[in-house]
Amino acid sequence: MFRKTIALILAVALISVGFTAQVSAAVITTQQTLSVESRQLLVSEVQAKLAREEVRQTMVELGVDPEQAQLRVASLSDQELARLDGQLDSLPAGGGALALIGAVFVVLLILELTGIIDVFKRA
């Protein structure tokens, strides 16, 4: 019985030797290190912008889960990440509200001048 147990252990050990993983090591350049660090910095900047309260509210109103958006930012390619960061930087904060107020003012002015409504009471 002892010999069978030893033979079984040796057989399993010899079979498992063939399943070792191949590992490769290489020297990385300074440029590769900086690229990884700059990507991590860009990801954290975009995630910080998406974590602002007004952005989160807008995402919820549009039906986007903010946590899923944070996870998807981490999976973007470098080009997509740079484009998203540029778009977030170019969008004005609260710009939609100002445009809406301006449009309402223009509509009220046109309706007043045509005589459809009387917003500004004439004495």
PDB file of N, CA and C in Angstrom:
ATOM      1  N   MET A   1       0.814  -1.179   0.000  1.00  0.00           N
ATOM      2  CA  MET A   1       0.000   0.000   0.000  1.00  0.00           C
ATOM      3  C   MET A   1       0.872   1.263   0.000  1.00  0.00           C
ATOM      4  N   PHE A   2       1.946   1.211   0.764  1.00  0.00           N
ATOM      5  CA  PHE A   2       2.857   2.342   0.853  1.00  0.00           C
ATOM      6  C   PHE A   2       3.485   2.645  -0.506  1.00  0.00           C
ATOM      7  N   ARG A   3       3.858   1.612  -1.243  1.00  0.00           N
ATOM      8  CA  ARG A   3       4.477   1.799  -2.558  1.00  0.00           C
ATOM      9  C   ARG A   3       3.482   2.383  -3.557  1.00  0.00           C
ATOM     10  N   LYS A   4       2.233   1.972  -3.474  1.00  0.00           N
ATOM     11  CA  LYS A   4       1.217   2.515  -4.382  1.00  0.00           C
ATOM     12  C   LYS A   4       0.994   4.006  -4.108  1.00  0.00           C
ATOM     13  N   THR A   5       0.991   4.389  -2.854  1.00  0.00           N
ATOM     14  CA  THR A   5       0.794   5.791  -2.493  1.00  0.00           C
ATOM     15  C   THR A   5       1.957   6.638  -2.991  1.00  0.00           C
ATOM     16  N   ILE A   6       3.174   6.156  -2.788  1.00  0.00           N
ATOM     17  CA  ILE A   6       4.363   6.874  -3.258  1.00  0.00           C
ATOM     18  C   ILE A   6       4.349   6.957  -4.778  1.00  0.00           C
ATOM     19  N   ALA A   7       3.981   5.903  -5.457  1.00  0.00           N
ATOM     20  CA  ALA A   7       3.934   5.903  -6.922  1.00  0.00           C
ATOM     21  C   ALA A   7       2.888   6.887  -7.426  1.00  0.00           C
ATOM     22  N   LEU A   8       1.754   6.943  -6.766  1.00  0.00           N
ATOM     23  CA  LEU A   8       0.697   7.875  -7.153  1.00  0.00           C
ATOM     24  C   LEU A   8       1.149   9.322  -6.958  1.00  0.00           C
ATOM     25  N   ILE A   9       1.784   9.632  -5.849  1.00  0.00           N
ATOM     26  CA  ILE A   9       2.280  10.988  -5.579  1.00  0.00           C
ATOM     27  C   ILE A   9       3.325  11.391  -6.609  1.00  0.00           C
ATOM     28  N   LEU A  10       4.250  10.472  -6.930  1.00  0.00           N
ATOM     29  CA  LEU A  10       5.272  10.771  -7.931  1.00  0.00           C
ATOM     30  C   LEU A  10       4.662  10.959  -9.321  1.00  0.00           C
ATOM     31  N   ALA A  11       3.658  10.172  -9.656  1.00  0.00           N
ATOM     32  CA  ALA A  11       3.007  10.298 -10.960  1.00  0.00           C
ATOM     33  C   ALA A  11       2.318  11.670 -11.080  1.00  0.00           C
ATOM     34  N   VAL A  12       1.620  12.071 -10.027  1.00  0.00           N
ATOM     35  CA  VAL A  12       0.956  13.372 -10.046  1.00  0.00           C
ATOM     36  C   VAL A  12       1.983  14.489 -10.118  1.00  0.00           C
ATOM     37  N   ALA A  13       3.095  14.356  -9.397  1.00  0.00           N
ATOM     38  CA  ALA A  13       4.139  15.385  -9.419  1.00  0.00           C
ATOM     39  C   ALA A  13       4.765  15.500 -10.803  1.00  0.00           C
ATOM     40  N   LEU A  14       5.018  14.377 -11.460  1.00  0.00           N
ATOM     41  CA  LEU A  14       5.614  14.416 -12.790  1.00  0.00           C
ATOM     42  C   LEU A  14       4.659  15.000 -13.822  1.00  0.00           C
ATOM     43  N   ILE A  15       3.381  14.696 -13.691  1.00  0.00           N
ATOM     44  CA  ILE A  15       2.401  15.245 -14.634  1.00  0.00           C
ATOM     45  C   ILE A  15       2.263  16.753 -14.442  1.00  0.00           C
ATOM     46  N   SER A  16       2.256  17.212 -13.192  1.00  0.00           N
ATOM     47  CA  SER A  16       2.063  18.641 -12.927  1.00  0.00           C
ATOM     48  C   SER A  16       3.276  19.477 -13.314  1.00  0.00           C
ATOM     49  N   VAL A  17       4.437  18.881 -13.480  1.00  0.00           N
ATOM     50  CA  VAL A  17       5.626  19.617 -13.903  1.00  0.00           C
ATOM     51  C   VAL A  17       5.424  20.181 -15.300  1.00  0.00           C
ATOM     52  N   GLY A  18       4.692  19.519 -16.128  1.00  0.00           N
ATOM     53  CA  GLY A  18       4.446  19.983 -17.495  1.00  0.00           C
ATOM     54  C   GLY A  18       3.506  21.164 -17.564  1.00  0.00           C
ATOM     55  N   PHE A  19       2.804  21.497 -16.495  1.00  0.00           N
ATOM     56  CA  PHE A  19       1.832  22.583 -16.502  1.00  0.00           C
ATOM     57  C   PHE A  19       2.350  23.877 -15.886  1.00  0.00           C
ATOM     58  N   THR A  20       3.629  24.032 -15.795  1.00  0.00           N
ATOM     59  CA  THR A  20       4.165  25.259 -15.208  1.00  0.00           C
ATOM     60  C   THR A  20       3.951  26.420 -16.160  1.00  0.00           C
ATOM     61  N   ALA A  21       3.770  27.581 -15.614  1.00  0.00           N
ATOM     62  CA  ALA A  21       3.518  28.780 -16.417  1.00  0.00           C
ATOM     63  C   ALA A  21       4.836  29.383 -16.888  1.00  0.00           C
ATOM     64  N   GLN A  22       4.797  29.898 -18.087  1.00  0.00           N
ATOM     65  CA  GLN A  22       5.958  30.572 -18.634  1.00  0.00           C
ATOM     66  C   GLN A  22       5.938  32.022 -18.147  1.00  0.00           C
ATOM     67  N   VAL A  23       7.019  32.487 -17.626  1.00  0.00           N
ATOM     68  CA  VAL A  23       7.123  33.851 -17.132  1.00  0.00           C
ATOM     69  C   VAL A  23       8.216  34.554 -17.908  1.00  0.00           C
ATOM     70  N   SER A  24       7.917  35.774 -18.320  1.00  0.00           N
ATOM     71  CA  SER A  24       8.892  36.539 -19.073  1.00  0.00           C
ATOM     72  C   SER A  24       9.120  37.870 -18.364  1.00  0.00           C
ATOM     73  N   ALA A  25      10.348  38.219 -18.190  1.00  0.00           N
ATOM     74  CA  ALA A  25      10.689  39.493 -17.548  1.00  0.00           C
ATOM     75  C   ALA A  25      11.467  40.332 -18.537  1.00  0.00           C
ATOM     76  N   ALA A  26      11.204  41.619 -18.510  1.00  0.00           N
ATOM     77  CA  ALA A  26      11.914  42.527 -19.402  1.00  0.00           C
ATOM     78  C   ALA A  26      12.099  43.862 -18.696  1.00  0.00           C
ATOM     79  N   VAL A  27      13.048  44.601 -19.170  1.00  0.00           N
ATOM     80  CA  VAL A  27      13.301  45.927 -18.628  1.00  0.00           C
ATOM     81  C   VAL A  27      12.328  46.887 -19.293  1.00  0.00           C
ATOM     82  N   ILE A  28      11.672  47.735 -18.489  1.00  0.00           N
ATOM     83  CA  ILE A  28      10.768  48.721 -19.065  1.00  0.00           C
ATOM     84  C   ILE A  28      11.485  50.064 -19.108  1.00  0.00           C
ATOM     85  N   THR A  29      11.134  50.832 -20.106  1.00  0.00           N
ATOM     86  CA  THR A  29      11.789  52.113 -20.295  1.00  0.00           C
ATOM     87  C   THR A  29      11.130  53.184 -19.433  1.00  0.00           C
ATOM     88  N   THR A  30      11.805  54.304 -19.325  1.00  0.00           N
ATOM     89  CA  THR A  30      11.258  55.437 -18.583  1.00  0.00           C
ATOM     90  C   THR A  30       9.985  55.947 -19.250  1.00  0.00           C
ATOM     91  N   GLN A  31       9.953  55.933 -20.582  1.00  0.00           N
ATOM     92  CA  GLN A  31       8.773  56.392 -21.320  1.00  0.00           C
ATOM     93  C   GLN A  31       7.564  55.521 -21.009  1.00  0.00           C
ATOM     94  N   GLN A  32       7.756  54.217 -20.912  1.00  0.00           N
ATOM     95  CA  GLN A  32       6.643  53.323 -20.579  1.00  0.00           C
ATOM     96  C   GLN A  32       6.145  53.590 -19.166  1.00  0.00           C
ATOM     97  N   THR A  33       7.048  53.845 -18.248  1.00  0.00           N
ATOM     98  CA  THR A  33       6.655  54.149 -16.874  1.00  0.00           C
ATOM     99  C   THR A  33       5.884  55.453 -16.814  1.00  0.00           C
ATOM    100  N   LEU A  34       6.349  56.474 -17.515  1.00  0.00           N
ATOM    101  CA  LEU A  34       5.656  57.750 -17.535  1.00  0.00           C
ATOM    102  C   LEU A  34       4.299  57.636 -18.203  1.00  0.00           C
ATOM    103  N   SER A  35       4.218  56.797 -19.234  1.00  0.00           N
ATOM    104  CA  SER A  35       2.942  56.595 -19.912  1.00  0.00           C
ATOM    105  C   SER A  35       1.908  55.983 -18.968  1.00  0.00           C
ATOM    106  N   VAL A  36       2.324  55.005 -18.195  1.00  0.00           N
ATOM    107  CA  VAL A  36       1.413  54.370 -17.233  1.00  0.00           C
ATOM    108  C   VAL A  36       0.992  55.374 -16.172  1.00  0.00           C
ATOM    109  N   GLU A  37       1.933  56.164 -15.670  1.00  0.00           N
ATOM    110  CA  GLU A  37       1.617  57.158 -14.640  1.00  0.00           C
ATOM    111  C   GLU A  37       0.708  58.251 -15.180  1.00  0.00           C
ATOM    112  N   SER A  38       0.955  58.709 -16.414  1.00  0.00           N
ATOM    113  CA  SER A  38       0.110  59.762 -16.980  1.00  0.00           C
ATOM    114  C   SER A  38      -1.294  59.244 -17.254  1.00  0.00           C
ATOM    115  N   ARG A  39      -1.419  57.969 -17.655  1.00  0.00           N
ATOM    116  CA  ARG A  39      -2.747  57.390 -17.863  1.00  0.00           C
ATOM    117  C   ARG A  39      -3.506  57.322 -16.545  1.00  0.00           C
ATOM    118  N   GLN A  40      -2.829  56.896 -15.478  1.00  0.00           N
ATOM    119  CA  GLN A  40      -3.488  56.818 -14.185  1.00  0.00           C
ATOM    120  C   GLN A  40      -3.929  58.203 -13.715  1.00  0.00           C
ATOM    121  N   LEU A  41      -3.102  59.215 -13.974  1.00  0.00           N
ATOM    122  CA  LEU A  41      -3.453  60.577 -13.605  1.00  0.00           C
ATOM    123  C   LEU A  41      -4.657  61.063 -14.406  1.00  0.00           C
ATOM    124  N   LEU A  42      -4.685  60.766 -15.699  1.00  0.00           N
ATOM    125  CA  LEU A  42      -5.794  61.176 -16.549  1.00  0.00           C
ATOM    126  C   LEU A  42      -7.083  60.479 -16.140  1.00  0.00           C
ATOM    127  N   VAL A  43      -7.003  59.188 -15.817  1.00  0.00           N
ATOM    128  CA  VAL A  43      -8.186  58.454 -15.355  1.00  0.00           C
ATOM    129  C   VAL A  43      -8.721  59.062 -14.068  1.00  0.00           C
ATOM    130  N   SER A  44      -7.837  59.386 -13.144  1.00  0.00           N
ATOM    131  CA  SER A  44      -8.295  59.968 -11.876  1.00  0.00           C
ATOM    132  C   SER A  44      -8.891  61.358 -12.077  1.00  0.00           C
ATOM    133  N   GLU A  45      -8.349  62.154 -13.014  1.00  0.00           N
ATOM    134  CA  GLU A  45      -8.914  63.475 -13.303  1.00  0.00           C
ATOM    135  C   GLU A  45     -10.313  63.359 -13.893  1.00  0.00           C
ATOM    136  N   VAL A  46     -10.496  62.452 -14.856  1.00  0.00           N
ATOM    137  CA  VAL A  46     -11.812  62.275 -15.473  1.00  0.00           C
ATOM    138  C   VAL A  46     -12.807  61.757 -14.442  1.00  0.00           C
ATOM    139  N   GLN A  47     -12.395  60.816 -13.612  1.00  0.00           N
ATOM    140  CA  GLN A  47     -13.297  60.296 -12.598  1.00  0.00           C
ATOM    141  C   GLN A  47     -13.658  61.367 -11.580  1.00  0.00           C
ATOM    142  N   ALA A  48     -12.725  62.266 -11.268  1.00  0.00           N
ATOM    143  CA  ALA A  48     -13.030  63.362 -10.345  1.00  0.00           C
ATOM    144  C   ALA A  48     -14.047  64.321 -10.964  1.00  0.00           C
ATOM    145  N   LYS A  49     -13.913  64.574 -12.257  1.00  0.00           N
ATOM    146  CA  LYS A  49     -14.882  65.442 -12.933  1.00  0.00           C
ATOM    147  C   LYS A  49     -16.257  64.793 -12.978  1.00  0.00           C
ATOM    148  N   LEU A  50     -16.300  63.488 -13.191  1.00  0.00           N
ATOM    149  CA  LEU A  50     -17.583  62.789 -13.221  1.00  0.00           C
ATOM    150  C   LEU A  50     -18.192  62.642 -11.833  1.00  0.00           C
ATOM    151  N   ALA A  51     -17.387  62.804 -10.795  1.00  0.00           N
ATOM    152  CA  ALA A  51     -17.889  62.665  -9.426  1.00  0.00           C
ATOM    153  C   ALA A  51     -18.513  63.951  -8.898  1.00  0.00           C
ATOM    154  N   ARG A  52     -18.414  65.053  -9.643  1.00  0.00           N
ATOM    155  CA  ARG A  52     -19.039  66.300  -9.189  1.00  0.00           C
ATOM    156  C   ARG A  52     -20.548  66.101  -9.110  1.00  0.00           C
ATOM    157  N   GLU A  53     -21.163  66.781  -8.174  1.00  0.00           N
ATOM    158  CA  GLU A  53     -22.586  66.567  -7.884  1.00  0.00           C
ATOM    159  C   GLU A  53     -23.487  66.903  -9.072  1.00  0.00           C
ATOM    160  N   GLU A  54     -23.221  68.020  -9.765  1.00  0.00           N
ATOM    161  CA  GLU A  54     -24.090  68.386 -10.886  1.00  0.00           C
ATOM    162  C   GLU A  54     -23.952  67.402 -12.045  1.00  0.00           C
ATOM    163  N   VAL A  55     -22.763  66.850 -12.224  1.00  0.00           N
ATOM    164  CA  VAL A  55     -22.559  65.853 -13.283  1.00  0.00           C
ATOM    165  C   VAL A  55     -23.281  64.560 -12.914  1.00  0.00           C
ATOM    166  N   ARG A  56     -23.188  64.157 -11.642  1.00  0.00           N
ATOM    167  CA  ARG A  56     -23.871  62.939 -11.192  1.00  0.00           C
ATOM    168  C   ARG A  56     -25.382  63.078 -11.339  1.00  0.00           C
ATOM    169  N   GLN A  57     -25.929  64.257 -11.015  1.00  0.00           N
ATOM    170  CA  GLN A  57     -27.368  64.469 -11.146  1.00  0.00           C
ATOM    171  C   GLN A  57     -27.797  64.370 -12.602  1.00  0.00           C
ATOM    172  N   THR A  58     -27.011  64.955 -13.485  1.00  0.00           N
ATOM    173  CA  THR A  58     -27.327  64.891 -14.909  1.00  0.00           C
ATOM    174  C   THR A  58     -27.266  63.459 -15.419  1.00  0.00           C
ATOM    175  N   MET A  59     -26.274  62.698 -14.969  1.00  0.00           N
ATOM    176  CA  MET A  59     -26.179  61.297 -15.395  1.00  0.00           C
ATOM    177  C   MET A  59     -27.392  60.509 -14.922  1.00  0.00           C
ATOM    178  N   VAL A  60     -27.827  60.740 -13.685  1.00  0.00           N
ATOM    179  CA  VAL A  60     -28.995  60.029 -13.155  1.00  0.00           C
ATOM    180  C   VAL A  60     -30.243  60.412 -13.947  1.00  0.00           C
ATOM    181  N   GLU A  61     -30.389  61.715 -14.282  1.00  0.00           N
ATOM    182  CA  GLU A  61     -31.535  62.163 -15.072  1.00  0.00           C
ATOM    183  C   GLU A  61     -31.550  61.516 -16.457  1.00  0.00           C
ATOM    184  N   LEU A  62     -30.374  61.272 -17.010  1.00  0.00           N
ATOM    185  CA  LEU A  62     -30.288  60.640 -18.331  1.00  0.00           C
ATOM    186  C   LEU A  62     -30.349  59.119 -18.265  1.00  0.00           C
ATOM    187  N   GLY A  63     -30.426  58.566 -17.053  1.00  0.00           N
ATOM    188  CA  GLY A  63     -30.531  57.125 -16.900  1.00  0.00           C
ATOM    189  C   GLY A  63     -29.209  56.390 -16.873  1.00  0.00           C
ATOM    190  N   VAL A  64     -28.125  57.098 -16.567  1.00  0.00           N
ATOM    191  CA  VAL A  64     -26.799  56.486 -16.515  1.00  0.00           C
ATOM    192  C   VAL A  64     -26.430  56.265 -15.052  1.00  0.00           C
ATOM    193  N   ASP A  65     -25.986  55.062 -14.734  1.00  0.00           N
ATOM    194  CA  ASP A  65     -25.543  54.760 -13.379  1.00  0.00           C
ATOM    195  C   ASP A  65     -24.144  55.349 -13.181  1.00  0.00           C
ATOM    196  N   PRO A  66     -23.967  56.285 -12.228  1.00  0.00           N
ATOM    197  CA  PRO A  66     -22.652  56.924 -12.042  1.00  0.00           C
ATOM    198  C   PRO A  66     -21.540  55.932 -11.714  1.00  0.00           C
ATOM    199  N   GLU A  67     -21.836  54.862 -10.976  1.00  0.00           N
ATOM    200  CA  GLU A  67     -20.804  53.884 -10.648  1.00  0.00           C
ATOM    201  C   GLU A  67     -20.350  53.132 -11.898  1.00  0.00           C
ATOM    202  N   GLN A  68     -21.305  52.809 -12.787  1.00  0.00           N
ATOM    203  CA  GLN A  68     -20.944  52.143 -14.041  1.00  0.00           C
ATOM    204  C   GLN A  68     -20.097  53.066 -14.915  1.00  0.00           C
ATOM    205  N   ALA A  69     -20.417  54.361 -14.900  1.00  0.00           N
ATOM    206  CA  ALA A  69     -19.629  55.314 -15.681  1.00  0.00           C
ATOM    207  C   ALA A  69     -18.196  55.376 -15.168  1.00  0.00           C
ATOM    208  N   GLN A  70     -18.020  55.348 -13.850  1.00  0.00           N
ATOM    209  CA  GLN A  70     -16.673  55.358 -13.277  1.00  0.00           C
ATOM    210  C   GLN A  70     -15.891  54.116 -13.712  1.00  0.00           C
ATOM    211  N   LEU A  71     -16.558  52.956 -13.711  1.00  0.00           N
ATOM    212  CA  LEU A  71     -15.887  51.720 -14.122  1.00  0.00           C
ATOM    213  C   LEU A  71     -15.530  51.736 -15.598  1.00  0.00           C
ATOM    214  N   ARG A  72     -16.408  52.304 -16.417  1.00  0.00           N
ATOM    215  CA  ARG A  72     -16.143  52.337 -17.859  1.00  0.00           C
ATOM    216  C   ARG A  72     -15.016  53.293 -18.210  1.00  0.00           C
ATOM    217  N   VAL A  73     -14.857  54.344 -17.421  1.00  0.00           N
ATOM    218  CA  VAL A  73     -13.752  55.278 -17.673  1.00  0.00           C
ATOM    219  C   VAL A  73     -12.427  54.548 -17.544  1.00  0.00           C
ATOM    220  N   ALA A  74     -12.319  53.670 -16.562  1.00  0.00           N
ATOM    221  CA  ALA A  74     -11.067  52.939 -16.348  1.00  0.00           C
ATOM    222  C   ALA A  74     -10.758  51.989 -17.502  1.00  0.00           C
ATOM    223  N   SER A  75     -11.784  51.570 -18.254  1.00  0.00           N
ATOM    224  CA  SER A  75     -11.550  50.620 -19.337  1.00  0.00           C
ATOM    225  C   SER A  75     -11.378  51.288 -20.698  1.00  0.00           C
ATOM    226  N   LEU A  76     -11.394  52.604 -20.764  1.00  0.00           N
ATOM    227  CA  LEU A  76     -11.220  53.310 -22.037  1.00  0.00           C
ATOM    228  C   LEU A  76      -9.782  53.221 -22.533  1.00  0.00           C
ATOM    229  N   SER A  77      -9.626  53.314 -23.844  1.00  0.00           N
ATOM    230  CA  SER A  77      -8.273  53.359 -24.405  1.00  0.00           C
ATOM    231  C   SER A  77      -7.687  54.749 -24.155  1.00  0.00           C
ATOM    232  N   ASP A  78      -6.396  54.902 -24.418  1.00  0.00           N
ATOM    233  CA  ASP A  78      -5.737  56.184 -24.168  1.00  0.00           C
ATOM    234  C   ASP A  78      -6.331  57.297 -25.025  1.00  0.00           C
ATOM    235  N   GLN A  79      -6.624  57.010 -26.288  1.00  0.00           N
ATOM    236  CA  GLN A  79      -7.192  58.017 -27.176  1.00  0.00           C
ATOM    237  C   GLN A  79      -8.598  58.415 -26.721  1.00  0.00           C
ATOM    238  N   GLU A  80      -9.426  57.438 -26.359  1.00  0.00           N
ATOM    239  CA  GLU A  80     -10.784  57.734 -25.903  1.00  0.00           C
ATOM    240  C   GLU A  80     -10.754  58.535 -24.604  1.00  0.00           C
ATOM    241  N   LEU A  81      -9.820  58.193 -23.738  1.00  0.00           N
ATOM    242  CA  LEU A  81      -9.695  58.887 -22.463  1.00  0.00           C
ATOM    243  C   LEU A  81      -9.288  60.349 -22.672  1.00  0.00           C
ATOM    244  N   ALA A  82      -8.347  60.592 -23.568  1.00  0.00           N
ATOM    245  CA  ALA A  82      -7.916  61.967 -23.851  1.00  0.00           C
ATOM    246  C   ALA A  82      -9.051  62.765 -24.484  1.00  0.00           C
ATOM    247  N   ARG A  83      -9.811  62.147 -25.385  1.00  0.00           N
ATOM    248  CA  ARG A  83     -10.931  62.841 -26.027  1.00  0.00           C
ATOM    249  C   ARG A  83     -12.022  63.182 -25.013  1.00  0.00           C
ATOM    250  N   LEU A  84     -12.325  62.244 -24.110  1.00  0.00           N
ATOM    251  CA  LEU A  84     -13.335  62.487 -23.077  1.00  0.00           C
ATOM    252  C   LEU A  84     -12.897  63.596 -22.140  1.00  0.00           C
ATOM    253  N   ASP A  85     -11.622  63.601 -21.761  1.00  0.00           N
ATOM    254  CA  ASP A  85     -11.114  64.648 -20.881  1.00  0.00           C
ATOM    255  C   ASP A  85     -11.206  66.003 -21.568  1.00  0.00           C
ATOM    256  N   GLY A  86     -10.894  66.062 -22.850  1.00  0.00           N
ATOM    257  CA  GLY A  86     -10.999  67.319 -23.596  1.00  0.00           C
ATOM    258  C   GLY A  86     -12.426  67.806 -23.696  1.00  0.00           C
ATOM    259  N   GLN A  87     -13.372  66.886 -23.889  1.00  0.00           N
ATOM    260  CA  GLN A  87     -14.780  67.275 -23.969  1.00  0.00           C
ATOM    261  C   GLN A  87     -15.287  67.760 -22.622  1.00  0.00           C
ATOM    262  N   LEU A  88     -14.866  67.125 -21.548  1.00  0.00           N
ATOM    263  CA  LEU A  88     -15.296  67.565 -20.221  1.00  0.00           C
ATOM    264  C   LEU A  88     -14.724  68.928 -19.883  1.00  0.00           C
ATOM    265  N   ASP A  89     -13.502  69.220 -20.353  1.00  0.00           N
ATOM    266  CA  ASP A  89     -12.905  70.523 -20.093  1.00  0.00           C
ATOM    267  C   ASP A  89     -13.578  71.629 -20.901  1.00  0.00           C
ATOM    268  N   SER A  90     -14.052  71.305 -22.100  1.00  0.00           N
ATOM    269  CA  SER A  90     -14.617  72.338 -22.965  1.00  0.00           C
ATOM    270  C   SER A  90     -16.073  72.650 -22.635  1.00  0.00           C
ATOM    271  N   LEU A  91     -16.767  71.771 -21.929  1.00  0.00           N
ATOM    272  CA  LEU A  91     -18.164  72.028 -21.594  1.00  0.00           C
ATOM    273  C   LEU A  91     -18.251  73.060 -20.485  1.00  0.00           C
ATOM    274  N   PRO A  92     -19.133  74.055 -20.648  1.00  0.00           N
ATOM    275  CA  PRO A  92     -19.253  75.058 -19.593  1.00  0.00           C
ATOM    276  C   PRO A  92     -20.044  74.510 -18.414  1.00  0.00           C
ATOM    277  N   ALA A  93     -19.671  74.943 -17.224  1.00  0.00           N
ATOM    278  CA  ALA A  93     -20.403  74.529 -16.038  1.00  0.00           C
ATOM    279  C   ALA A  93     -21.694  75.329 -15.966  1.00  0.00           C
ATOM    280  N   GLY A  94     -22.828  74.651 -16.010  1.00  0.00           N
ATOM    281  CA  GLY A  94     -24.118  75.329 -15.944  1.00  0.00           C
ATOM    282  C   GLY A  94     -24.470  76.058 -17.220  1.00  0.00           C
ATOM    283  N   GLY A  95     -23.822  75.776 -18.315  1.00  0.00           N
ATOM    284  CA  GLY A  95     -24.076  76.462 -19.574  1.00  0.00           C
ATOM    285  C   GLY A  95     -25.459  76.205 -20.120  1.00  0.00           C
ATOM    286  N   GLY A  96     -26.036  75.065 -19.836  1.00  0.00           N
ATOM    287  CA  GLY A  96     -27.376  74.746 -20.316  1.00  0.00           C
ATOM    288  C   GLY A  96     -28.424  75.641 -19.701  1.00  0.00           C
ATOM    289  N   ALA A  97     -28.273  76.005 -18.432  1.00  0.00           N
ATOM    290  CA  ALA A  97     -29.258  76.855 -17.753  1.00  0.00           C
ATOM    291  C   ALA A  97     -29.234  78.261 -18.334  1.00  0.00           C
ATOM    292  N   LEU A  98     -28.067  78.787 -18.611  1.00  0.00           N
ATOM    293  CA  LEU A  98     -27.951  80.124 -19.171  1.00  0.00           C
ATOM    294  C   LEU A  98     -28.562  80.177 -20.574  1.00  0.00           C
ATOM    295  N   ALA A  99     -28.341  79.178 -21.363  1.00  0.00           N
ATOM    296  CA  ALA A  99     -28.923  79.134 -22.704  1.00  0.00           C
ATOM    297  C   ALA A  99     -30.438  79.043 -22.626  1.00  0.00           C
ATOM    298  N   LEU A 100     -30.954  78.287 -21.678  1.00  0.00           N
ATOM    299  CA  LEU A 100     -32.405  78.162 -21.516  1.00  0.00           C
ATOM    300  C   LEU A 100     -33.027  79.495 -21.116  1.00  0.00           C
ATOM    301  N   ILE A 101     -32.410  80.208 -20.191  1.00  0.00           N
ATOM    302  CA  ILE A 101     -32.926  81.513 -19.759  1.00  0.00           C
ATOM    303  C   ILE A 101     -32.914  82.493 -20.933  1.00  0.00           C
ATOM    304  N   GLY A 102     -31.849  82.474 -21.713  1.00  0.00           N
ATOM    305  CA  GLY A 102     -31.773  83.352 -22.883  1.00  0.00           C
ATOM    306  C   GLY A 102     -32.843  83.034 -23.907  1.00  0.00           C
ATOM    307  N   ALA A 103     -33.091  81.747 -24.156  1.00  0.00           N
ATOM    308  CA  ALA A 103     -34.108  81.348 -25.123  1.00  0.00           C
ATOM    309  C   ALA A 103     -35.499  81.767 -24.651  1.00  0.00           C
ATOM    310  N   VAL A 104     -35.787  81.593 -23.368  1.00  0.00           N
ATOM    311  CA  VAL A 104     -37.087  82.000 -22.829  1.00  0.00           C
ATOM    312  C   VAL A 104     -37.266  83.506 -22.956  1.00  0.00           C
ATOM    313  N   PHE A 105     -36.214  84.263 -22.667  1.00  0.00           N
ATOM    314  CA  PHE A 105     -36.289  85.721 -22.794  1.00  0.00           C
ATOM    315  C   PHE A 105     -36.582  86.134 -24.237  1.00  0.00           C
ATOM    316  N   VAL A 106     -35.906  85.515 -25.199  1.00  0.00           N
ATOM    317  CA  VAL A 106     -36.124  85.852 -26.611  1.00  0.00           C
ATOM    318  C   VAL A 106     -37.548  85.518 -27.029  1.00  0.00           C
ATOM    319  N   VAL A 107     -38.069  84.375 -26.607  1.00  0.00           N
ATOM    320  CA  VAL A 107     -39.441  83.990 -26.946  1.00  0.00           C
ATOM    321  C   VAL A 107     -40.440  84.975 -26.338  1.00  0.00           C
ATOM    322  N   LEU A 108     -40.245  85.338 -25.069  1.00  0.00           N
ATOM    323  CA  LEU A 108     -41.144  86.305 -24.429  1.00  0.00           C
ATOM    324  C   LEU A 108     -41.076  87.669 -25.119  1.00  0.00           C
ATOM    325  N   LEU A 109     -39.888  88.081 -25.519  1.00  0.00           N
ATOM    326  CA  LEU A 109     -39.744  89.354 -26.216  1.00  0.00           C
ATOM    327  C   LEU A 109     -40.477  89.341 -27.547  1.00  0.00           C
ATOM    328  N   ILE A 110     -40.352  88.261 -28.302  1.00  0.00           N
ATOM    329  CA  ILE A 110     -41.037  88.157 -29.595  1.00  0.00           C
ATOM    330  C   ILE A 110     -42.549  88.153 -29.392  1.00  0.00           C
ATOM    331  N   LEU A 111     -43.029  87.377 -28.401  1.00  0.00           N
ATOM    332  CA  LEU A 111     -44.470  87.346 -28.135  1.00  0.00           C
ATOM    333  C   LEU A 111     -44.985  88.709 -27.679  1.00  0.00           C
ATOM    334  N   GLU A 112     -44.195  89.441 -26.931  1.00  0.00           N
ATOM    335  CA  GLU A 112     -44.580  90.789 -26.475  1.00  0.00           C
ATOM    336  C   GLU A 112     -44.658  91.746 -27.647  1.00  0.00           C
ATOM    337  N   LEU A 113     -43.669  91.697 -28.520  1.00  0.00           N
ATOM    338  CA  LEU A 113     -43.644  92.628 -29.657  1.00  0.00           C
ATOM    339  C   LEU A 113     -44.749  92.343 -30.663  1.00  0.00           C
ATOM    340  N   THR A 114     -45.144  91.090 -30.807  1.00  0.00           N
ATOM    341  CA  THR A 114     -46.226  90.763 -31.741  1.00  0.00           C
ATOM    342  C   THR A 114     -47.603  90.987 -31.133  1.00  0.00           C
ATOM    343  N   GLY A 115     -47.669  91.235 -29.830  1.00  0.00           N
ATOM    344  CA  GLY A 115     -48.942  91.535 -29.193  1.00  0.00           C
ATOM    345  C   GLY A 115     -49.705  90.316 -28.728  1.00  0.00           C
ATOM    346  N   ILE A 116     -49.104  89.149 -28.754  1.00  0.00           N
ATOM    347  CA  ILE A 116     -49.794  87.932 -28.327  1.00  0.00           C
ATOM    348  C   ILE A 116     -49.948  87.910 -26.812  1.00  0.00           C
ATOM    349  N   ILE A 117     -48.922  88.347 -26.100  1.00  0.00           N
ATOM    350  CA  ILE A 117     -48.993  88.431 -24.642  1.00  0.00           C
ATOM    351  C   ILE A 117     -48.653  89.853 -24.219  1.00  0.00           C
ATOM    352  N   ASP A 118     -48.968  90.152 -22.975  1.00  0.00           N
ATOM    353  CA  ASP A 118     -48.673  91.489 -22.454  1.00  0.00           C
ATOM    354  C   ASP A 118     -47.888  91.346 -21.156  1.00  0.00           C
ATOM    355  N   VAL A 119     -46.589  91.004 -21.295  1.00  0.00           N
ATOM    356  CA  VAL A 119     -45.738  90.816 -20.143  1.00  0.00           C
ATOM    357  C   VAL A 119     -45.405  92.160 -19.510  1.00  0.00           C
ATOM    358  N   PHE A 120     -45.024  93.108 -20.335  1.00  0.00           N
ATOM    359  CA  PHE A 120     -44.659  94.433 -19.861  1.00  0.00           C
ATOM    360  C   PHE A 120     -45.892  95.325 -19.977  1.00  0.00           C
ATOM    361  N   LYS A 121     -46.559  95.553 -18.880  1.00  0.00           N
ATOM    362  CA  LYS A 121     -47.796  96.346 -18.881  1.00  0.00           C
ATOM    363  C   LYS A 121     -47.496  97.774 -19.315  1.00  0.00           C
ATOM    364  N   ARG A 122     -48.307  98.259 -20.224  1.00  0.00           N
ATOM    365  CA  ARG A 122     -48.128  99.625 -20.708  1.00  0.00           C
ATOM    366  C   ARG A 122     -49.083 100.533 -19.948  1.00  0.00           C
ATOM    367  N   ALA A 123     -48.600 101.642 -19.571  1.00  0.00           N
ATOM    368  CA  ALA A 123     -49.430 102.566 -18.786  1.00  0.00           C
ATOM    369  C   ALA A 123     -50.199 103.522 -19.645  1.00  0.00           C
TER     370      ALA A 123
END
